[in-house]
Amino acid sequence: MSIKNIDTINEVKVNFKDKYAVNILSKNLSQRLRKDTIIVCIGTDRCIGDALGPLVGTLLSRAKYKYPVYGTLKDPIHAVNLKEKMKKINSVHKNSNIIAVDACLGEEKYIGSIQIRHSPIFPGKGVGKNLPSVGHISIVGIVDRFTLDDFFPIHGIRLSLVMDMAEVIGKSLIKAIRP
């Protein structure tokens, strides 16, 4: 994918190893940031594959990111507390532009893909949970394959994969405010 055609598409897909990944993602994200943007990072550090969101949240918090960030390793937003946390976030940031970040399961050929979708995230959908949607824009990282025979997959996701993807997403969000 070339950087030139990003403005004409609604969804971006790029592998985290692509040398232009940060530029491609940040260019698209910079067009989506507004004064009232907040970042909601979903997941838990208790499962390597689900730690993508809290890792991104932690990286952004440590970088003193310009926009409010919710969901870090120390204070994660996950299936158990999602409804409660989102109620608090929505009461503080009424009608905000929410960018949600989460790990995702997908086809094996897409593992390592980072996608910006101009729609909400449906947390827990890949593992059969029915939770409320989050965000107006979503950034998902495909960390493992989805299989019907193994409904709760633990295939040996490498922490290095999740960390590298989190760094690309974090750098992209940071660069999006300073293109």
C-alpha atoms as a PDB file:
ATOM      1  CA  MET A   1       0.000   0.000   0.000  1.00  0.00           C
ATOM      2  CA  SER A   2       1.385   3.359  -0.862  1.00  0.00           C
ATOM      3  CA  ILE A   3       1.046   6.351   1.398  1.00  0.00           C
ATOM      4  CA  LYS A   4      -0.543   8.352  -1.427  1.00  0.00           C
ATOM      5  CA  ASN A   5      -3.829   6.489  -1.489  1.00  0.00           C
ATOM      6  CA  ILE A   6      -4.600   6.510   2.240  1.00  0.00           C
ATOM      7  CA  ASP A   7      -6.859   9.546   1.980  1.00  0.00           C
ATOM      8  CA  THR A   8      -9.248   7.713  -0.330  1.00  0.00           C
ATOM      9  CA  ILE A   9      -9.863   4.609   1.780  1.00  0.00           C
ATOM     10  CA  ASN A  10     -11.838   3.987   4.925  1.00  0.00           C
ATOM     11  CA  GLU A  11      -9.811   1.166   6.387  1.00  0.00           C
ATOM     12  CA  VAL A  12      -6.054   0.728   6.619  1.00  0.00           C
ATOM     13  CA  LYS A  13      -4.257  -2.594   6.900  1.00  0.00           C
ATOM     14  CA  VAL A  14      -0.495  -2.871   7.266  1.00  0.00           C
ATOM     15  CA  ASN A  15       1.858  -5.455   8.703  1.00  0.00           C
ATOM     16  CA  PHE A  16       3.778  -4.186  11.715  1.00  0.00           C
ATOM     17  CA  LYS A  17       7.053  -5.244  10.025  1.00  0.00           C
ATOM     18  CA  ASP A  18       6.448  -2.967   7.025  1.00  0.00           C
ATOM     19  CA  LYS A  19       9.125  -0.266   7.177  1.00  0.00           C
ATOM     20  CA  TYR A  20       6.463   2.352   6.393  1.00  0.00           C
ATOM     21  CA  ALA A  21       3.906   1.035   8.912  1.00  0.00           C
ATOM     22  CA  VAL A  22       4.231   3.971  11.328  1.00  0.00           C
ATOM     23  CA  ASN A  23       3.980   6.500   8.488  1.00  0.00           C
ATOM     24  CA  ILE A  24       0.972   4.787   6.903  1.00  0.00           C
ATOM     25  CA  LEU A  25      -0.908   4.478  10.185  1.00  0.00           C
ATOM     26  CA  SER A  26      -0.021   7.958  11.487  1.00  0.00           C
ATOM     27  CA  LYS A  27      -1.067   9.659   8.262  1.00  0.00           C
ATOM     28  CA  ASN A  28      -4.489   8.056   8.468  1.00  0.00           C
ATOM     29  CA  LEU A  29      -4.835   8.683  12.206  1.00  0.00           C
ATOM     30  CA  SER A  30      -3.824  12.357  11.940  1.00  0.00           C
ATOM     31  CA  GLN A  31      -6.948  12.935   9.847  1.00  0.00           C
ATOM     32  CA  ARG A  32      -9.106  11.383  12.562  1.00  0.00           C
ATOM     33  CA  LEU A  33      -7.823  13.260  15.634  1.00  0.00           C
ATOM     34  CA  ARG A  34      -9.937  16.059  17.074  1.00  0.00           C
ATOM     35  CA  LYS A  35      -9.712  18.251  20.171  1.00  0.00           C
ATOM     36  CA  ASP A  36     -12.050  15.897  22.013  1.00  0.00           C
ATOM     37  CA  THR A  37     -10.211  12.655  21.142  1.00  0.00           C
ATOM     38  CA  ILE A  38      -9.544  10.083  23.835  1.00  0.00           C
ATOM     39  CA  ILE A  39      -7.759   6.739  23.527  1.00  0.00           C
ATOM     40  CA  VAL A  40      -9.269   3.638  25.147  1.00  0.00           C
ATOM     41  CA  CYS A  41      -6.946   0.632  25.202  1.00  0.00           C
ATOM     42  CA  ILE A  42      -8.667  -2.668  25.909  1.00  0.00           C
ATOM     43  CA  GLY A  43      -7.177  -5.907  27.204  1.00  0.00           C
ATOM     44  CA  THR A  44      -5.351  -7.516  30.098  1.00  0.00           C
ATOM     45  CA  ASP A  45      -1.757  -8.304  30.926  1.00  0.00           C
ATOM     46  CA  ARG A  46      -2.864 -11.672  32.316  1.00  0.00           C
ATOM     47  CA  CYS A  47      -2.887 -13.097  28.787  1.00  0.00           C
ATOM     48  CA  ILE A  48      -0.027 -12.272  26.414  1.00  0.00           C
ATOM     49  CA  GLY A  49      -2.297 -12.158  23.370  1.00  0.00           C
ATOM     50  CA  ASP A  50      -4.665  -9.750  25.067  1.00  0.00           C
ATOM     51  CA  ALA A  51      -1.960  -7.403  26.375  1.00  0.00           C
ATOM     52  CA  LEU A  52      -1.722  -5.321  23.176  1.00  0.00           C
ATOM     53  CA  GLY A  53      -4.157  -2.623  24.360  1.00  0.00           C
ATOM     54  CA  PRO A  54      -2.676  -2.122  27.837  1.00  0.00           C
ATOM     55  CA  LEU A  55       0.840  -2.070  26.364  1.00  0.00           C
ATOM     56  CA  VAL A  56      -0.162   0.689  23.922  1.00  0.00           C
ATOM     57  CA  GLY A  57      -1.858   2.589  26.762  1.00  0.00           C
ATOM     58  CA  THR A  58       1.256   2.316  28.915  1.00  0.00           C
ATOM     59  CA  LEU A  59       3.557   3.454  26.083  1.00  0.00           C
ATOM     60  CA  LEU A  60       1.336   6.480  25.392  1.00  0.00           C
ATOM     61  CA  SER A  61       1.059   7.372  29.085  1.00  0.00           C
ATOM     62  CA  ARG A  62       4.832   7.190  29.531  1.00  0.00           C
ATOM     63  CA  ALA A  63       5.269   9.417  26.482  1.00  0.00           C
ATOM     64  CA  LYS A  64       2.896  11.962  28.100  1.00  0.00           C
ATOM     65  CA  TYR A  65       0.564  11.674  25.119  1.00  0.00           C
ATOM     66  CA  LYS A  66      -1.434  14.800  24.301  1.00  0.00           C
ATOM     67  CA  TYR A  67      -4.847  13.133  24.543  1.00  0.00           C
ATOM     68  CA  PRO A  68      -6.355  11.303  27.535  1.00  0.00           C
ATOM     69  CA  VAL A  69      -5.445   7.598  27.588  1.00  0.00           C
ATOM     70  CA  TYR A  70      -7.391   4.914  29.414  1.00  0.00           C
ATOM     71  CA  GLY A  71      -6.358   1.274  29.782  1.00  0.00           C
ATOM     72  CA  THR A  72      -2.779   0.611  30.861  1.00  0.00           C
ATOM     73  CA  LEU A  73      -0.884  -2.284  32.402  1.00  0.00           C
ATOM     74  CA  LYS A  74      -1.497  -0.792  35.871  1.00  0.00           C
ATOM     75  CA  ASP A  75      -5.149   0.081  35.243  1.00  0.00           C
ATOM     76  CA  PRO A  76      -6.466  -2.155  32.446  1.00  0.00           C
ATOM     77  CA  ILE A  77      -9.875  -2.083  30.821  1.00  0.00           C
ATOM     78  CA  HIS A  78     -11.019  -5.645  30.191  1.00  0.00           C
ATOM     79  CA  ALA A  79     -14.092  -7.870  29.974  1.00  0.00           C
ATOM     80  CA  VAL A  80     -14.776  -7.793  33.721  1.00  0.00           C
ATOM     81  CA  ASN A  81     -14.690  -3.998  34.163  1.00  0.00           C
ATOM     82  CA  LEU A  82     -15.465  -2.720  30.642  1.00  0.00           C
ATOM     83  CA  LYS A  83     -19.038  -1.560  31.290  1.00  0.00           C
ATOM     84  CA  GLU A  84     -18.097   0.232  34.519  1.00  0.00           C
ATOM     85  CA  LYS A  85     -14.978   1.890  33.042  1.00  0.00           C
ATOM     86  CA  MET A  86     -16.794   3.044  29.901  1.00  0.00           C
ATOM     87  CA  LYS A  87     -19.592   4.525  32.001  1.00  0.00           C
ATOM     88  CA  LYS A  88     -17.009   6.594  33.922  1.00  0.00           C
ATOM     89  CA  ILE A  89     -15.109   7.570  30.765  1.00  0.00           C
ATOM     90  CA  ASN A  90     -18.308   8.637  28.998  1.00  0.00           C
ATOM     91  CA  SER A  91     -19.398  10.719  31.986  1.00  0.00           C
ATOM     92  CA  VAL A  92     -16.076  12.601  32.018  1.00  0.00           C
ATOM     93  CA  HIS A  93     -15.725  12.884  28.224  1.00  0.00           C
ATOM     94  CA  LYS A  94     -19.249  13.367  26.929  1.00  0.00           C
ATOM     95  CA  ASN A  95     -19.595  12.873  23.162  1.00  0.00           C
ATOM     96  CA  SER A  96     -15.841  12.450  22.707  1.00  0.00           C
ATOM     97  CA  ASN A  97     -14.096  11.035  19.670  1.00  0.00           C
ATOM     98  CA  ILE A  98     -13.018   7.652  21.029  1.00  0.00           C
ATOM     99  CA  ILE A  99     -10.222   5.709  19.390  1.00  0.00           C
ATOM    100  CA  ALA A 100     -10.257   2.160  20.747  1.00  0.00           C
ATOM    101  CA  VAL A 101      -7.214  -0.134  20.653  1.00  0.00           C
ATOM    102  CA  ASP A 102      -7.469  -3.910  21.075  1.00  0.00           C
ATOM    103  CA  ALA A 103      -5.953  -7.224  20.081  1.00  0.00           C
ATOM    104  CA  CYS A 104      -7.860  -9.315  17.605  1.00  0.00           C
ATOM    105  CA  LEU A 105      -7.940 -12.853  16.228  1.00  0.00           C
ATOM    106  CA  GLY A 106      -8.025 -13.390  12.482  1.00  0.00           C
ATOM    107  CA  GLU A 107      -6.862 -15.536   9.611  1.00  0.00           C
ATOM    108  CA  GLU A 108      -3.377 -16.922  10.029  1.00  0.00           C
ATOM    109  CA  LYS A 109      -2.105 -15.002   6.987  1.00  0.00           C
ATOM    110  CA  TYR A 110      -3.047 -11.711   8.711  1.00  0.00           C
ATOM    111  CA  ILE A 111      -1.186 -12.291  11.992  1.00  0.00           C
ATOM    112  CA  GLY A 112       0.913  -9.168  12.552  1.00  0.00           C
ATOM    113  CA  SER A 113      -1.518  -6.949  10.671  1.00  0.00           C
ATOM    114  CA  ILE A 114      -2.525  -3.647  12.241  1.00  0.00           C
ATOM    115  CA  GLN A 115      -5.813  -2.279  11.022  1.00  0.00           C
ATOM    116  CA  ILE A 116      -7.532   1.056  11.433  1.00  0.00           C
ATOM    117  CA  ARG A 117     -11.254   0.638  11.097  1.00  0.00           C
ATOM    118  CA  HIS A 118     -13.695   3.502  11.018  1.00  0.00           C
ATOM    119  CA  SER A 119     -16.087   1.611  13.249  1.00  0.00           C
ATOM    120  CA  PRO A 120     -16.152   0.531  16.893  1.00  0.00           C
ATOM    121  CA  ILE A 121     -14.389  -2.437  18.465  1.00  0.00           C
ATOM    122  CA  PHE A 122     -16.494  -5.309  19.756  1.00  0.00           C
ATOM    123  CA  PRO A 123     -14.328  -6.531  22.652  1.00  0.00           C
ATOM    124  CA  GLY A 124     -14.367 -10.233  23.409  1.00  0.00           C
ATOM    125  CA  LYS A 125     -16.199 -11.139  20.201  1.00  0.00           C
ATOM    126  CA  GLY A 126     -13.371 -13.468  19.129  1.00  0.00           C
ATOM    127  CA  VAL A 127     -13.708 -15.492  22.325  1.00  0.00           C
ATOM    128  CA  GLY A 128     -17.503 -15.570  22.473  1.00  0.00           C
ATOM    129  CA  LYS A 129     -18.163 -12.679  24.849  1.00  0.00           C
ATOM    130  CA  ASN A 130     -21.040 -10.268  24.345  1.00  0.00           C
ATOM    131  CA  LEU A 131     -19.739  -6.881  25.499  1.00  0.00           C
ATOM    132  CA  PRO A 132     -20.683  -3.335  24.462  1.00  0.00           C
ATOM    133  CA  SER A 133     -18.921  -1.818  21.479  1.00  0.00           C
ATOM    134  CA  VAL A 134     -16.252   0.809  22.133  1.00  0.00           C
ATOM    135  CA  GLY A 135     -15.116   3.736  20.036  1.00  0.00           C
ATOM    136  CA  HIS A 136     -15.793   5.504  16.804  1.00  0.00           C
ATOM    137  CA  ILE A 137     -12.476   4.458  15.307  1.00  0.00           C
ATOM    138  CA  SER A 138     -10.685   1.251  16.154  1.00  0.00           C
ATOM    139  CA  ILE A 139      -7.101   0.136  15.902  1.00  0.00           C
ATOM    140  CA  VAL A 140      -6.783  -3.622  16.032  1.00  0.00           C
ATOM    141  CA  GLY A 141      -3.725  -5.804  15.951  1.00  0.00           C
ATOM    142  CA  ILE A 142      -4.185  -9.378  14.790  1.00  0.00           C
ATOM    143  CA  VAL A 143      -2.104 -11.381  17.261  1.00  0.00           C
ATOM    144  CA  ASP A 144      -3.264 -14.932  16.561  1.00  0.00           C
ATOM    145  CA  ARG A 145      -5.492 -17.033  14.375  1.00  0.00           C
ATOM    146  CA  PHE A 146      -9.133 -17.675  15.054  1.00  0.00           C
ATOM    147  CA  THR A 147     -10.179 -21.312  14.912  1.00  0.00           C
ATOM    148  CA  LEU A 148     -13.578 -22.858  15.461  1.00  0.00           C
ATOM    149  CA  ASP A 149     -12.173 -25.999  17.027  1.00  0.00           C
ATOM    150  CA  ASP A 150     -10.162 -24.121  19.649  1.00  0.00           C
ATOM    151  CA  PHE A 151     -12.632 -21.529  20.909  1.00  0.00           C
ATOM    152  CA  PHE A 152     -10.260 -20.046  23.484  1.00  0.00           C
ATOM    153  CA  PRO A 153      -6.986 -20.087  21.578  1.00  0.00           C
ATOM    154  CA  ILE A 154      -3.632 -20.158  23.266  1.00  0.00           C
ATOM    155  CA  HIS A 155      -1.316 -21.100  20.440  1.00  0.00           C
ATOM    156  CA  GLY A 156       1.918 -19.761  21.799  1.00  0.00           C
ATOM    157  CA  ILE A 157       1.620 -16.062  21.082  1.00  0.00           C
ATOM    158  CA  ARG A 158       5.019 -14.465  21.494  1.00  0.00           C
ATOM    159  CA  LEU A 159       5.315 -11.465  23.797  1.00  0.00           C
ATOM    160  CA  SER A 160       7.820 -10.022  21.323  1.00  0.00           C
ATOM    161  CA  LEU A 161       5.124  -9.973  18.598  1.00  0.00           C
ATOM    162  CA  VAL A 162       2.629  -8.211  20.861  1.00  0.00           C
ATOM    163  CA  MET A 163       5.259  -5.736  22.125  1.00  0.00           C
ATOM    164  CA  ASP A 164       6.511  -4.909  18.620  1.00  0.00           C
ATOM    165  CA  MET A 165       2.944  -4.330  17.427  1.00  0.00           C
ATOM    166  CA  ALA A 166       2.217  -2.153  20.474  1.00  0.00           C
ATOM    167  CA  GLU A 167       5.299  -0.040  19.723  1.00  0.00           C
ATOM    168  CA  VAL A 168       4.204   0.506  16.110  1.00  0.00           C
ATOM    169  CA  ILE A 169       0.700   1.525  17.218  1.00  0.00           C
ATOM    170  CA  GLY A 170       2.060   3.790  19.972  1.00  0.00           C
ATOM    171  CA  LYS A 171       4.563   5.477  17.629  1.00  0.00           C
ATOM    172  CA  SER A 172       1.804   5.925  15.036  1.00  0.00           C
ATOM    173  CA  LEU A 173      -0.509   7.656  17.485  1.00  0.00           C
ATOM    174  CA  ILE A 174       2.319   9.890  18.702  1.00  0.00           C
ATOM    175  CA  LYS A 175       3.426  10.748  15.166  1.00  0.00           C
ATOM    176  CA  ALA A 176      -0.190  11.458  14.171  1.00  0.00           C
ATOM    177  CA  ILE A 177      -0.155  14.581  16.373  1.00  0.00           C
ATOM    178  CA  ARG A 178       3.247  15.640  15.018  1.00  0.00           C
ATOM    179  CA  PRO A 179       3.191  14.568  11.352  1.00  0.00           C
END
